Amino acid sequence: MNRSADHQTLLFHQSQFPDAVRNSLHRSFQSRQMHHKFHYDSYKQTQKWLAVHQAYSPSRTDLDCLRIYEQAFAETSSRSSESPHLISLGCGGGKKDALFLKQLIAQGLTPIYTASDVSPAMVLTAIGEVSQSLQRHDSLGKVCDLAARPHPTFFETGAPFNGPSIYSFLGMIPNFEPQEVLPYLAQLLRPQDLLVFSANLAPGNDYRQGTQKILPLYNNLETKEWLQTILFDFGCDHTTGELTIEVEETPSGLLRINATYRFKEDFIFHLDDQKYPFTRGETFRLFFSYRYTDALIEKELAKYYLNIQSRWITNSKEEAVYLVSKSHQLTK
């Protein structure tokens, strides 16, 4: 990591203060449903996720996927008449953000950049990527849990800024319940702001068959090793249980990939002074990832007055990027 990232100051939202993180982990063990943020919590997990992303993400393995991102960033940049604040919600490794910033700069704009993620390691990785690619060292780093719905002011620059914001929410929607995260995105957007939003799609005309088709992108050794890292850190090993990754239908009718760990033997997790016993045969949901169709995405966004201005879909129909604005103020 370069020198600028080594000396980067990060602003932490209270949702990522130690007590809040510990309480969230307690709730994960109590509910038998791991909060997805704990798969990105350490540098070790970050590196494992980046390896999975490099090996299986369409943005890395499908050149056509790169095309739609470049087109989305170019059109969004061309619509910007004044320098925006690019706020990356779930910045990951920052490669897409660097491409986006290049397009904005090519339009003669001077964007401000904020990298935001639940993982400090991810934020620093993204800032390092942008610094290396663009030779700029003025990026902002914000660490927060989006599930806690940080107030929009948390993402402000700290200096007077009256320009538009562009929020990027790339590769994030699969890991959130849509009825929880989409109202929050609507809350963030002002009339002058834009949202660049990506979604993993189920290809073909048959929703379930299309979701089954992409299952190998998740049901593989690298992904299983990454998802089990947190269990291994608490003392589990490869004999304690088995991780199954399969397609699940939710009560809403949406399909998602579900990763469930089934214990082969009794096991007790110890956290602070609490014990969380699991008996043989019990399950622990470690992860889920929703899959949509283009029509389902449009329907879900419209519930919260989020309107698609432009869309770009790969030839494989497995990945899409949307340029979104809010039609009017969301009312309660």
C-alpha atoms as a PDB file:
ATOM      1  CA  MET A   1       0.000   0.000   0.000  1.00  0.00           C
ATOM      2  CA  ASN A   2       1.351   3.426  -0.865  1.00  0.00           C
ATOM      3  CA  ARG A   3       2.441   6.126   1.521  1.00  0.00           C
ATOM      4  CA  SER A   4      -0.689   8.253   1.213  1.00  0.00           C
ATOM      5  CA  ALA A   5      -2.924   5.346   2.241  1.00  0.00           C
ATOM      6  CA  ASP A   6      -0.592   4.498   5.134  1.00  0.00           C
ATOM      7  CA  HIS A   7      -1.219   7.975   6.571  1.00  0.00           C
ATOM      8  CA  GLN A   8      -4.903   8.228   5.716  1.00  0.00           C
ATOM      9  CA  THR A   9      -7.243   9.459   8.441  1.00  0.00           C
ATOM     10  CA  LEU A  10     -10.475   7.470   8.667  1.00  0.00           C
ATOM     11  CA  LEU A  11     -13.715   8.718  10.173  1.00  0.00           C
ATOM     12  CA  PHE A  12     -15.657   6.015  12.014  1.00  0.00           C
ATOM     13  CA  HIS A  13     -19.420   6.069  12.372  1.00  0.00           C
ATOM     14  CA  GLN A  14     -20.724   4.988  15.776  1.00  0.00           C
ATOM     15  CA  SER A  15     -22.062   1.805  14.149  1.00  0.00           C
ATOM     16  CA  GLN A  16     -18.448   0.664  13.879  1.00  0.00           C
ATOM     17  CA  PHE A  17     -17.353   1.682  17.364  1.00  0.00           C
ATOM     18  CA  PRO A  18     -16.084  -1.339  19.346  1.00  0.00           C
ATOM     19  CA  ASP A  19     -19.164  -1.707  21.563  1.00  0.00           C
ATOM     20  CA  ALA A  20     -21.539  -1.517  18.598  1.00  0.00           C
ATOM     21  CA  VAL A  21     -19.519  -4.065  16.629  1.00  0.00           C
ATOM     22  CA  ARG A  22     -19.376  -6.433  19.591  1.00  0.00           C
ATOM     23  CA  ASN A  23     -23.136  -6.105  20.188  1.00  0.00           C
ATOM     24  CA  SER A  24     -23.779  -6.822  16.507  1.00  0.00           C
ATOM     25  CA  LEU A  25     -21.653  -9.953  16.742  1.00  0.00           C
ATOM     26  CA  HIS A  26     -23.579 -11.070  19.819  1.00  0.00           C
ATOM     27  CA  ARG A  27     -26.828 -10.633  17.868  1.00  0.00           C
ATOM     28  CA  SER A  28     -25.393 -12.698  15.037  1.00  0.00           C
ATOM     29  CA  PHE A  29     -24.735 -15.630  17.359  1.00  0.00           C
ATOM     30  CA  GLN A  30     -28.100 -15.224  19.086  1.00  0.00           C
ATOM     31  CA  SER A  31     -30.061 -15.149  15.835  1.00  0.00           C
ATOM     32  CA  ARG A  32     -27.966 -17.862  14.122  1.00  0.00           C
ATOM     33  CA  GLN A  33     -27.590 -15.421  11.227  1.00  0.00           C
ATOM     34  CA  MET A  34     -24.189 -13.848  10.674  1.00  0.00           C
ATOM     35  CA  HIS A  35     -24.203 -10.163   9.807  1.00  0.00           C
ATOM     36  CA  HIS A  36     -22.457  -9.953   6.431  1.00  0.00           C
ATOM     37  CA  LYS A  37     -20.077  -7.247   7.632  1.00  0.00           C
ATOM     38  CA  PHE A  38     -18.153  -9.761   9.726  1.00  0.00           C
ATOM     39  CA  HIS A  39     -16.880 -11.418   6.547  1.00  0.00           C
ATOM     40  CA  TYR A  40     -14.880  -8.259   5.761  1.00  0.00           C
ATOM     41  CA  ASP A  41     -13.790  -7.342   9.266  1.00  0.00           C
ATOM     42  CA  SER A  42     -10.099  -8.279   9.268  1.00  0.00           C
ATOM     43  CA  TYR A  43      -7.241  -7.837   6.830  1.00  0.00           C
ATOM     44  CA  LYS A  44      -7.159 -11.624   6.402  1.00  0.00           C
ATOM     45  CA  GLN A  45     -10.828 -11.690   5.418  1.00  0.00           C
ATOM     46  CA  THR A  46     -10.350  -8.703   3.122  1.00  0.00           C
ATOM     47  CA  GLN A  47      -7.572 -10.474   1.244  1.00  0.00           C
ATOM     48  CA  LYS A  48      -9.641 -13.660   0.935  1.00  0.00           C
ATOM     49  CA  TRP A  49     -12.620 -11.685  -0.363  1.00  0.00           C
ATOM     50  CA  LEU A  50     -10.456  -9.842  -2.882  1.00  0.00           C
ATOM     51  CA  ALA A  51      -9.161 -13.220  -4.119  1.00  0.00           C
ATOM     52  CA  VAL A  52     -12.733 -14.532  -4.509  1.00  0.00           C
ATOM     53  CA  HIS A  53     -13.724 -11.333  -6.290  1.00  0.00           C
ATOM     54  CA  GLN A  54     -10.777 -11.603  -8.658  1.00  0.00           C
ATOM     55  CA  ALA A  55     -11.553 -15.232  -9.497  1.00  0.00           C
ATOM     56  CA  TYR A  56     -15.343 -15.180  -9.808  1.00  0.00           C
ATOM     57  CA  SER A  57     -16.749 -11.665 -10.111  1.00  0.00           C
ATOM     58  CA  PRO A  58     -18.019 -10.911 -13.633  1.00  0.00           C
ATOM     59  CA  SER A  59     -16.358  -7.499 -13.354  1.00  0.00           C
ATOM     60  CA  ARG A  60     -13.033  -9.360 -13.336  1.00  0.00           C
ATOM     61  CA  THR A  61     -13.804 -12.344 -15.562  1.00  0.00           C
ATOM     62  CA  ASP A  62     -16.106 -10.849 -18.229  1.00  0.00           C
ATOM     63  CA  LEU A  63     -14.702  -8.089 -20.450  1.00  0.00           C
ATOM     64  CA  ASP A  64     -18.248  -7.172 -21.407  1.00  0.00           C
ATOM     65  CA  CYS A  65     -18.878  -6.375 -17.753  1.00  0.00           C
ATOM     66  CA  LEU A  66     -16.051  -3.857 -17.803  1.00  0.00           C
ATOM     67  CA  ARG A  67     -17.677  -2.326 -20.889  1.00  0.00           C
ATOM     68  CA  ILE A  68     -20.979  -1.606 -19.164  1.00  0.00           C
ATOM     69  CA  TYR A  69     -19.249  -0.035 -16.164  1.00  0.00           C
ATOM     70  CA  GLU A  70     -17.161   2.188 -18.420  1.00  0.00           C
ATOM     71  CA  GLN A  71     -20.268   3.205 -20.365  1.00  0.00           C
ATOM     72  CA  ALA A  72     -22.195   3.915 -17.170  1.00  0.00           C
ATOM     73  CA  PHE A  73     -19.374   6.003 -15.721  1.00  0.00           C
ATOM     74  CA  ALA A  74     -18.914   7.899 -19.004  1.00  0.00           C
ATOM     75  CA  GLU A  75     -22.603   8.801 -19.389  1.00  0.00           C
ATOM     76  CA  THR A  76     -22.980   9.752 -15.737  1.00  0.00           C
ATOM     77  CA  SER A  77     -19.888  11.955 -15.987  1.00  0.00           C
ATOM     78  CA  SER A  78     -21.198  13.627 -19.140  1.00  0.00           C
ATOM     79  CA  ARG A  79     -24.387  14.557 -17.263  1.00  0.00           C
ATOM     80  CA  SER A  80     -22.419  16.355 -14.545  1.00  0.00           C
ATOM     81  CA  SER A  81     -22.297  20.090 -15.216  1.00  0.00           C
ATOM     82  CA  GLU A  82     -20.335  20.832 -12.043  1.00  0.00           C
ATOM     83  CA  SER A  83     -17.754  18.955 -10.017  1.00  0.00           C
ATOM     84  CA  PRO A  84     -19.487  16.326  -7.875  1.00  0.00           C
ATOM     85  CA  HIS A  85     -18.752  14.532  -4.659  1.00  0.00           C
ATOM     86  CA  LEU A  86     -18.375  10.838  -5.553  1.00  0.00           C
ATOM     87  CA  ILE A  87     -19.422   8.808  -2.522  1.00  0.00           C
ATOM     88  CA  SER A  88     -18.691   5.112  -2.861  1.00  0.00           C
ATOM     89  CA  LEU A  89     -20.970   3.097  -0.571  1.00  0.00           C
ATOM     90  CA  GLY A  90     -19.196  -0.235  -0.211  1.00  0.00           C
ATOM     91  CA  CYS A  91     -16.012   0.780  -2.009  1.00  0.00           C
ATOM     92  CA  GLY A  92     -14.430  -2.681  -1.965  1.00  0.00           C
ATOM     93  CA  GLY A  93     -11.017  -2.650  -3.607  1.00  0.00           C
ATOM     94  CA  GLY A  94     -11.631   0.700  -5.332  1.00  0.00           C
ATOM     95  CA  LYS A  95     -10.901  -0.353  -8.933  1.00  0.00           C
ATOM     96  CA  LYS A  96     -14.325   0.722 -10.215  1.00  0.00           C
ATOM     97  CA  ASP A  97     -14.067   3.979  -8.292  1.00  0.00           C
ATOM     98  CA  ALA A  98     -10.745   4.738  -9.980  1.00  0.00           C
ATOM     99  CA  LEU A  99     -12.377   4.165 -13.393  1.00  0.00           C
ATOM    100  CA  PHE A 100     -15.287   6.412 -12.430  1.00  0.00           C
ATOM    101  CA  LEU A 101     -13.010   9.208 -11.239  1.00  0.00           C
ATOM    102  CA  LYS A 102     -10.983   9.034 -14.467  1.00  0.00           C
ATOM    103  CA  GLN A 103     -14.172   9.606 -16.458  1.00  0.00           C
ATOM    104  CA  LEU A 104     -15.180  12.558 -14.289  1.00  0.00           C
ATOM    105  CA  ILE A 105     -11.728  14.108 -14.624  1.00  0.00           C
ATOM    106  CA  ALA A 106     -11.826  13.556 -18.404  1.00  0.00           C
ATOM    107  CA  GLN A 107     -14.909  15.809 -18.449  1.00  0.00           C
ATOM    108  CA  GLY A 108     -12.823  18.607 -16.938  1.00  0.00           C
ATOM    109  CA  LEU A 109     -14.367  18.137 -13.499  1.00  0.00           C
ATOM    110  CA  THR A 110     -12.581  18.104 -10.147  1.00  0.00           C
ATOM    111  CA  PRO A 111     -14.474  15.517  -8.119  1.00  0.00           C
ATOM    112  CA  ILE A 112     -14.184  14.951  -4.398  1.00  0.00           C
ATOM    113  CA  TYR A 113     -13.928  11.267  -3.505  1.00  0.00           C
ATOM    114  CA  THR A 114     -15.116   9.473  -0.387  1.00  0.00           C
ATOM    115  CA  ALA A 115     -14.440   5.762   0.058  1.00  0.00           C
ATOM    116  CA  SER A 116     -16.863   4.178   2.478  1.00  0.00           C
ATOM    117  CA  ASP A 117     -17.076   0.598   3.653  1.00  0.00           C
ATOM    118  CA  VAL A 118     -17.754  -1.448   6.753  1.00  0.00           C
ATOM    119  CA  SER A 119     -14.134  -2.593   6.700  1.00  0.00           C
ATOM    120  CA  PRO A 120     -11.264  -0.180   7.437  1.00  0.00           C
ATOM    121  CA  ALA A 121      -9.020  -2.475   5.384  1.00  0.00           C
ATOM    122  CA  MET A 122     -11.318  -2.091   2.368  1.00  0.00           C
ATOM    123  CA  VAL A 123     -11.398   1.693   2.722  1.00  0.00           C
ATOM    124  CA  LEU A 124      -7.624   1.874   2.824  1.00  0.00           C
ATOM    125  CA  THR A 125      -7.329  -0.506  -0.121  1.00  0.00           C
ATOM    126  CA  ALA A 126      -9.711   1.656  -2.186  1.00  0.00           C
ATOM    127  CA  ILE A 127      -7.914   4.874  -1.286  1.00  0.00           C
ATOM    128  CA  GLY A 128      -4.620   3.238  -2.167  1.00  0.00           C
ATOM    129  CA  GLU A 129      -5.997   2.130  -5.546  1.00  0.00           C
ATOM    130  CA  VAL A 130      -7.288   5.615  -6.371  1.00  0.00           C
ATOM    131  CA  SER A 131      -4.066   7.253  -5.190  1.00  0.00           C
ATOM    132  CA  GLN A 132      -1.963   4.908  -7.319  1.00  0.00           C
ATOM    133  CA  SER A 133      -4.156   5.151 -10.419  1.00  0.00           C
ATOM    134  CA  LEU A 134      -4.826   8.882 -10.381  1.00  0.00           C
ATOM    135  CA  GLN A 135      -1.887  10.217  -8.376  1.00  0.00           C
ATOM    136  CA  ARG A 136      -4.267  12.057  -6.070  1.00  0.00           C
ATOM    137  CA  HIS A 137      -3.975  12.038  -2.316  1.00  0.00           C
ATOM    138  CA  ASP A 138      -7.067  13.929  -1.165  1.00  0.00           C
ATOM    139  CA  SER A 139      -9.509  11.052  -0.742  1.00  0.00           C
ATOM    140  CA  LEU A 140     -11.745  10.808   2.298  1.00  0.00           C
ATOM    141  CA  GLY A 141     -12.253   7.562   4.223  1.00  0.00           C
ATOM    142  CA  LYS A 142     -15.476   6.758   6.105  1.00  0.00           C
ATOM    143  CA  VAL A 143     -16.055   3.500   7.992  1.00  0.00           C
ATOM    144  CA  CYS A 144     -19.674   2.624   8.710  1.00  0.00           C
ATOM    145  CA  ASP A 145     -22.314  -0.082   8.691  1.00  0.00           C
ATOM    146  CA  LEU A 146     -24.937   0.927   6.121  1.00  0.00           C
ATOM    147  CA  ALA A 147     -27.454  -1.297   7.891  1.00  0.00           C
ATOM    148  CA  ALA A 148     -27.319   1.267  10.728  1.00  0.00           C
ATOM    149  CA  ARG A 149     -28.460   3.969   8.250  1.00  0.00           C
ATOM    150  CA  PRO A 150     -25.868   6.673   8.985  1.00  0.00           C
ATOM    151  CA  HIS A 151     -27.280  10.178   8.648  1.00  0.00           C
ATOM    152  CA  PRO A 152     -26.510  11.760   5.255  1.00  0.00           C
ATOM    153  CA  THR A 153     -24.309  14.339   6.994  1.00  0.00           C
ATOM    154  CA  PHE A 154     -21.862  11.550   7.878  1.00  0.00           C
ATOM    155  CA  PHE A 155     -20.733  11.444   4.251  1.00  0.00           C
ATOM    156  CA  GLU A 156     -20.196  15.192   3.954  1.00  0.00           C
ATOM    157  CA  THR A 157     -16.708  16.474   3.185  1.00  0.00           C
ATOM    158  CA  GLY A 158     -16.246  18.541   6.327  1.00  0.00           C
ATOM    159  CA  ALA A 159     -15.752  21.663   4.220  1.00  0.00           C
ATOM    160  CA  PRO A 160     -18.328  23.896   2.509  1.00  0.00           C
ATOM    161  CA  PHE A 161     -19.652  22.079  -0.553  1.00  0.00           C
ATOM    162  CA  ASN A 162     -22.883  22.881  -2.361  1.00  0.00           C
ATOM    163  CA  GLY A 163     -22.435  20.735  -5.442  1.00  0.00           C
ATOM    164  CA  PRO A 164     -24.181  17.518  -6.421  1.00  0.00           C
ATOM    165  CA  SER A 165     -23.322  14.126  -5.037  1.00  0.00           C
ATOM    166  CA  ILE A 166     -22.998  10.923  -7.018  1.00  0.00           C
ATOM    167  CA  TYR A 167     -23.490   7.835  -4.891  1.00  0.00           C
ATOM    168  CA  SER A 168     -22.096   4.572  -6.189  1.00  0.00           C
ATOM    169  CA  PHE A 169     -23.615   1.390  -4.799  1.00  0.00           C
ATOM    170  CA  LEU A 170     -21.821  -1.281  -6.772  1.00  0.00           C
ATOM    171  CA  GLY A 171     -22.140  -4.977  -5.999  1.00  0.00           C
ATOM    172  CA  MET A 172     -23.888  -4.229  -2.705  1.00  0.00           C
ATOM    173  CA  ILE A 173     -27.623  -4.824  -3.178  1.00  0.00           C
ATOM    174  CA  PRO A 174     -27.341  -8.659  -3.138  1.00  0.00           C
ATOM    175  CA  ASN A 175     -26.257  -8.661   0.516  1.00  0.00           C
ATOM    176  CA  PHE A 176     -29.054  -6.446   1.838  1.00  0.00           C
ATOM    177  CA  GLU A 177     -32.746  -6.980   2.332  1.00  0.00           C
ATOM    178  CA  PRO A 178     -34.178  -4.684  -0.379  1.00  0.00           C
ATOM    179  CA  GLN A 179     -36.911  -3.322   1.885  1.00  0.00           C
ATOM    180  CA  GLU A 180     -34.220  -2.136   4.302  1.00  0.00           C
ATOM    181  CA  VAL A 181     -31.528  -0.658   2.071  1.00  0.00           C
ATOM    182  CA  LEU A 182     -33.561   0.900  -0.756  1.00  0.00           C
ATOM    183  CA  PRO A 183     -35.480   3.334   1.502  1.00  0.00           C
ATOM    184  CA  TYR A 184     -32.127   4.399   2.917  1.00  0.00           C
ATOM    185  CA  LEU A 185     -30.691   5.088  -0.527  1.00  0.00           C
ATOM    186  CA  ALA A 186     -33.806   7.145  -1.271  1.00  0.00           C
ATOM    187  CA  GLN A 187     -33.207   9.089   1.931  1.00  0.00           C
ATOM    188  CA  LEU A 188     -29.643   9.902   0.894  1.00  0.00           C
ATOM    189  CA  LEU A 189     -30.518  11.237  -2.550  1.00  0.00           C
ATOM    190  CA  ARG A 190     -31.369  14.921  -3.005  1.00  0.00           C
ATOM    191  CA  PRO A 191     -33.077  16.115  -6.204  1.00  0.00           C
ATOM    192  CA  GLN A 192     -29.738  17.104  -7.756  1.00  0.00           C
ATOM    193  CA  ASP A 193     -27.986  13.836  -6.845  1.00  0.00           C
ATOM    194  CA  LEU A 194     -27.497  10.661  -8.832  1.00  0.00           C
ATOM    195  CA  LEU A 195     -27.074   7.023  -7.886  1.00  0.00           C
ATOM    196  CA  VAL A 196     -25.035   4.553  -9.926  1.00  0.00           C
ATOM    197  CA  PHE A 197     -26.303   1.175  -8.882  1.00  0.00           C
ATOM    198  CA  SER A 198     -25.325  -2.321  -9.983  1.00  0.00           C
ATOM    199  CA  ALA A 199     -27.125  -5.614  -9.597  1.00  0.00           C
ATOM    200  CA  ASN A 200     -26.394  -9.269 -10.195  1.00  0.00           C
ATOM    201  CA  LEU A 201     -29.023 -10.674 -12.539  1.00  0.00           C
ATOM    202  CA  ALA A 202     -30.362 -14.134 -13.193  1.00  0.00           C
ATOM    203  CA  PRO A 203     -29.863 -14.702 -16.943  1.00  0.00           C
ATOM    204  CA  GLY A 204     -32.512 -16.064 -19.293  1.00  0.00           C
ATOM    205  CA  ASN A 205     -36.291 -16.060 -19.219  1.00  0.00           C
ATOM    206  CA  ASP A 206     -36.628 -18.536 -16.349  1.00  0.00           C
ATOM    207  CA  TYR A 207     -35.817 -16.762 -13.063  1.00  0.00           C
ATOM    208  CA  ARG A 208     -35.105 -19.902 -11.025  1.00  0.00           C
ATOM    209  CA  GLN A 209     -33.154 -21.622 -13.793  1.00  0.00           C
ATOM    210  CA  GLY A 210     -31.075 -18.484 -14.301  1.00  0.00           C
ATOM    211  CA  THR A 211     -30.298 -18.290 -10.588  1.00  0.00           C
ATOM    212  CA  GLN A 212     -29.257 -21.939 -10.551  1.00  0.00           C
ATOM    213  CA  LYS A 213     -26.966 -21.248 -13.501  1.00  0.00           C
ATOM    214  CA  ILE A 214     -24.849 -18.764 -11.559  1.00  0.00           C
ATOM    215  CA  LEU A 215     -24.679 -20.896  -8.386  1.00  0.00           C
ATOM    216  CA  PRO A 216     -21.077 -22.067  -9.156  1.00  0.00           C
ATOM    217  CA  LEU A 217     -19.926 -18.446  -8.735  1.00  0.00           C
ATOM    218  CA  TYR A 218     -20.684 -18.937  -5.028  1.00  0.00           C
ATOM    219  CA  ASN A 219     -20.557 -22.691  -4.521  1.00  0.00           C
ATOM    220  CA  ASN A 220     -16.793 -23.069  -4.755  1.00  0.00           C
ATOM    221  CA  LEU A 221     -13.860 -23.760  -2.456  1.00  0.00           C
ATOM    222  CA  GLU A 222     -12.529 -20.182  -2.367  1.00  0.00           C
ATOM    223  CA  THR A 223     -15.876 -18.703  -1.351  1.00  0.00           C
ATOM    224  CA  LYS A 224     -16.436 -21.371   1.286  1.00  0.00           C
ATOM    225  CA  GLU A 225     -12.988 -20.771   2.783  1.00  0.00           C
ATOM    226  CA  TRP A 226     -13.684 -17.034   2.920  1.00  0.00           C
ATOM    227  CA  LEU A 227     -17.107 -17.408   4.539  1.00  0.00           C
ATOM    228  CA  GLN A 228     -15.867 -19.888   7.139  1.00  0.00           C
ATOM    229  CA  THR A 229     -12.949 -17.676   8.201  1.00  0.00           C
ATOM    230  CA  ILE A 230     -14.892 -16.099  11.047  1.00  0.00           C
ATOM    231  CA  LEU A 231     -15.940 -19.531  12.351  1.00  0.00           C
ATOM    232  CA  PHE A 232     -12.355 -20.752  12.226  1.00  0.00           C
ATOM    233  CA  ASP A 233     -11.278 -17.643  14.139  1.00  0.00           C
ATOM    234  CA  PHE A 234     -13.648 -18.739  16.913  1.00  0.00           C
ATOM    235  CA  GLY A 235     -12.213 -22.250  17.058  1.00  0.00           C
ATOM    236  CA  CYS A 236     -14.131 -24.247  14.459  1.00  0.00           C
ATOM    237  CA  ASP A 237     -12.223 -26.392  12.003  1.00  0.00           C
ATOM    238  CA  HIS A 238     -13.050 -28.364   8.860  1.00  0.00           C
ATOM    239  CA  THR A 239     -14.454 -31.250  10.921  1.00  0.00           C
ATOM    240  CA  THR A 240     -16.841 -29.120  13.042  1.00  0.00           C
ATOM    241  CA  GLY A 241     -19.438 -28.736  10.331  1.00  0.00           C
ATOM    242  CA  GLU A 242     -20.164 -28.370   6.633  1.00  0.00           C
ATOM    243  CA  LEU A 243     -21.087 -25.320   4.584  1.00  0.00           C
ATOM    244  CA  THR A 244     -23.839 -25.723   1.987  1.00  0.00           C
ATOM    245  CA  ILE A 245     -24.526 -23.092  -0.662  1.00  0.00           C
ATOM    246  CA  GLU A 246     -27.826 -23.337  -2.524  1.00  0.00           C
ATOM    247  CA  VAL A 247     -30.697 -21.344  -4.022  1.00  0.00           C
ATOM    248  CA  GLU A 248     -33.461 -20.289  -1.619  1.00  0.00           C
ATOM    249  CA  GLU A 249     -36.827 -18.676  -2.303  1.00  0.00           C
ATOM    250  CA  THR A 250     -37.770 -15.915   0.149  1.00  0.00           C
ATOM    251  CA  PRO A 251     -41.325 -15.109   1.298  1.00  0.00           C
ATOM    252  CA  SER A 252     -41.349 -12.130  -1.092  1.00  0.00           C
ATOM    253  CA  GLY A 253     -40.770 -14.477  -4.039  1.00  0.00           C
ATOM    254  CA  LEU A 254     -37.227 -13.189  -4.634  1.00  0.00           C
ATOM    255  CA  LEU A 255     -34.496 -15.800  -4.988  1.00  0.00           C
ATOM    256  CA  ARG A 256     -31.153 -15.652  -3.266  1.00  0.00           C
ATOM    257  CA  ILE A 257     -28.044 -17.726  -2.783  1.00  0.00           C
ATOM    258  CA  ASN A 258     -27.931 -18.939   0.793  1.00  0.00           C
ATOM    259  CA  ALA A 259     -24.817 -20.197   2.604  1.00  0.00           C
ATOM    260  CA  THR A 260     -25.707 -22.338   5.615  1.00  0.00           C
ATOM    261  CA  TYR A 261     -23.279 -24.000   8.007  1.00  0.00           C
ATOM    262  CA  ARG A 262     -24.563 -27.238   9.559  1.00  0.00           C
ATOM    263  CA  PHE A 263     -22.772 -28.508  12.659  1.00  0.00           C
ATOM    264  CA  LYS A 264     -21.572 -32.109  12.613  1.00  0.00           C
ATOM    265  CA  GLU A 265     -20.801 -31.993  16.327  1.00  0.00           C
ATOM    266  CA  ASP A 266     -21.704 -29.893  19.367  1.00  0.00           C
ATOM    267  CA  PHE A 267     -19.807 -26.622  19.527  1.00  0.00           C
ATOM    268  CA  ILE A 268     -19.792 -23.585  21.840  1.00  0.00           C
ATOM    269  CA  PHE A 269     -18.830 -20.083  20.721  1.00  0.00           C
ATOM    270  CA  HIS A 270     -17.332 -17.908  23.443  1.00  0.00           C
ATOM    271  CA  LEU A 271     -17.699 -14.135  23.155  1.00  0.00           C
ATOM    272  CA  ASP A 272     -16.929 -11.925  26.147  1.00  0.00           C
ATOM    273  CA  ASP A 273     -18.608 -13.720  29.063  1.00  0.00           C
ATOM    274  CA  GLN A 274     -21.330 -15.248  26.884  1.00  0.00           C
ATOM    275  CA  LYS A 275     -21.568 -18.780  25.566  1.00  0.00           C
ATOM    276  CA  TYR A 276     -23.478 -19.663  22.411  1.00  0.00           C
ATOM    277  CA  PRO A 277     -23.941 -23.434  22.163  1.00  0.00           C
ATOM    278  CA  PHE A 278     -24.803 -25.156  18.897  1.00  0.00           C
ATOM    279  CA  THR A 279     -25.782 -28.797  18.913  1.00  0.00           C
ATOM    280  CA  ARG A 280     -25.129 -31.334  16.210  1.00  0.00           C
ATOM    281  CA  GLY A 281     -27.479 -30.747  13.284  1.00  0.00           C
ATOM    282  CA  GLU A 282     -28.126 -27.071  14.078  1.00  0.00           C
ATOM    283  CA  THR A 283     -27.527 -24.508  11.355  1.00  0.00           C
ATOM    284  CA  PHE A 284     -25.952 -21.074  11.169  1.00  0.00           C
ATOM    285  CA  ARG A 285     -26.695 -18.873   8.148  1.00  0.00           C
ATOM    286  CA  LEU A 286     -23.424 -17.238   7.190  1.00  0.00           C
ATOM    287  CA  PHE A 287     -24.329 -15.358   4.035  1.00  0.00           C
ATOM    288  CA  PHE A 288     -26.979 -14.580   1.440  1.00  0.00           C
ATOM    289  CA  SER A 289     -26.898 -12.947  -1.973  1.00  0.00           C
ATOM    290  CA  TYR A 290     -30.075 -11.920  -3.797  1.00  0.00           C
ATOM    291  CA  ARG A 291     -30.456 -12.370  -7.531  1.00  0.00           C
ATOM    292  CA  TYR A 292     -32.804 -10.215  -9.553  1.00  0.00           C
ATOM    293  CA  THR A 293     -34.092  -9.795 -13.064  1.00  0.00           C
ATOM    294  CA  ASP A 294     -34.083  -6.422 -14.789  1.00  0.00           C
ATOM    295  CA  ALA A 295     -37.841  -6.152 -14.303  1.00  0.00           C
ATOM    296  CA  LEU A 296     -37.594  -7.033 -10.599  1.00  0.00           C
ATOM    297  CA  ILE A 297     -34.917  -4.385 -10.027  1.00  0.00           C
ATOM    298  CA  GLU A 298     -37.068  -1.711 -11.653  1.00  0.00           C
ATOM    299  CA  LYS A 299     -40.066  -2.784  -9.587  1.00  0.00           C
ATOM    300  CA  GLU A 300     -38.130  -2.724  -6.301  1.00  0.00           C
ATOM    301  CA  LEU A 301     -36.591   0.696  -7.007  1.00  0.00           C
ATOM    302  CA  ALA A 302     -39.928   2.208  -7.999  1.00  0.00           C
ATOM    303  CA  LYS A 303     -41.392   1.396  -4.570  1.00  0.00           C
ATOM    304  CA  TYR A 304     -39.154   4.135  -3.173  1.00  0.00           C
ATOM    305  CA  TYR A 305     -39.480   6.674  -6.020  1.00  0.00           C
ATOM    306  CA  LEU A 306     -36.112   5.666  -7.424  1.00  0.00           C
ATOM    307  CA  ASN A 307     -36.323   5.932 -11.191  1.00  0.00           C
ATOM    308  CA  ILE A 308     -33.954   4.367 -13.707  1.00  0.00           C
ATOM    309  CA  GLN A 309     -32.591   6.990 -16.115  1.00  0.00           C
ATOM    310  CA  SER A 310     -30.304   4.636 -18.051  1.00  0.00           C
ATOM    311  CA  ARG A 311     -29.341   0.977 -17.873  1.00  0.00           C
ATOM    312  CA  TRP A 312     -26.468  -1.116 -19.174  1.00  0.00           C
ATOM    313  CA  ILE A 313     -26.711  -4.925 -19.213  1.00  0.00           C
ATOM    314  CA  THR A 314     -24.012  -7.397 -20.226  1.00  0.00           C
ATOM    315  CA  ASN A 315     -24.559  -9.704 -23.176  1.00  0.00           C
ATOM    316  CA  SER A 316     -24.628 -12.607 -20.717  1.00  0.00           C
ATOM    317  CA  LYS A 317     -27.514 -10.885 -18.873  1.00  0.00           C
ATOM    318  CA  GLU A 318     -25.753 -11.599 -15.568  1.00  0.00           C
ATOM    319  CA  GLU A 319     -24.740  -8.069 -14.609  1.00  0.00           C
ATOM    320  CA  ALA A 320     -26.397  -4.674 -14.922  1.00  0.00           C
ATOM    321  CA  VAL A 321     -25.596  -1.082 -14.026  1.00  0.00           C
ATOM    322  CA  TYR A 322     -28.297   1.525 -13.539  1.00  0.00           C
ATOM    323  CA  LEU A 323     -28.234   5.305 -13.400  1.00  0.00           C
ATOM    324  CA  VAL A 324     -30.902   6.288 -10.896  1.00  0.00           C
ATOM    325  CA  SER A 325     -32.467   9.492  -9.644  1.00  0.00           C
ATOM    326  CA  LYS A 326     -35.233  10.196  -7.164  1.00  0.00           C
ATOM    327  CA  SER A 327     -38.460  11.577  -8.600  1.00  0.00           C
ATOM    328  CA  HIS A 328     -39.602  13.401  -5.464  1.00  0.00           C
ATOM    329  CA  GLN A 329     -39.130  13.450  -1.729  1.00  0.00           C
ATOM    330  CA  LEU A 330     -39.936  10.131  -0.090  1.00  0.00           C
ATOM    331  CA  THR A 331     -42.741  10.576   2.416  1.00  0.00           C
ATOM    332  CA  LYS A 332     -43.327   8.479   5.478  1.00  0.00           C
END
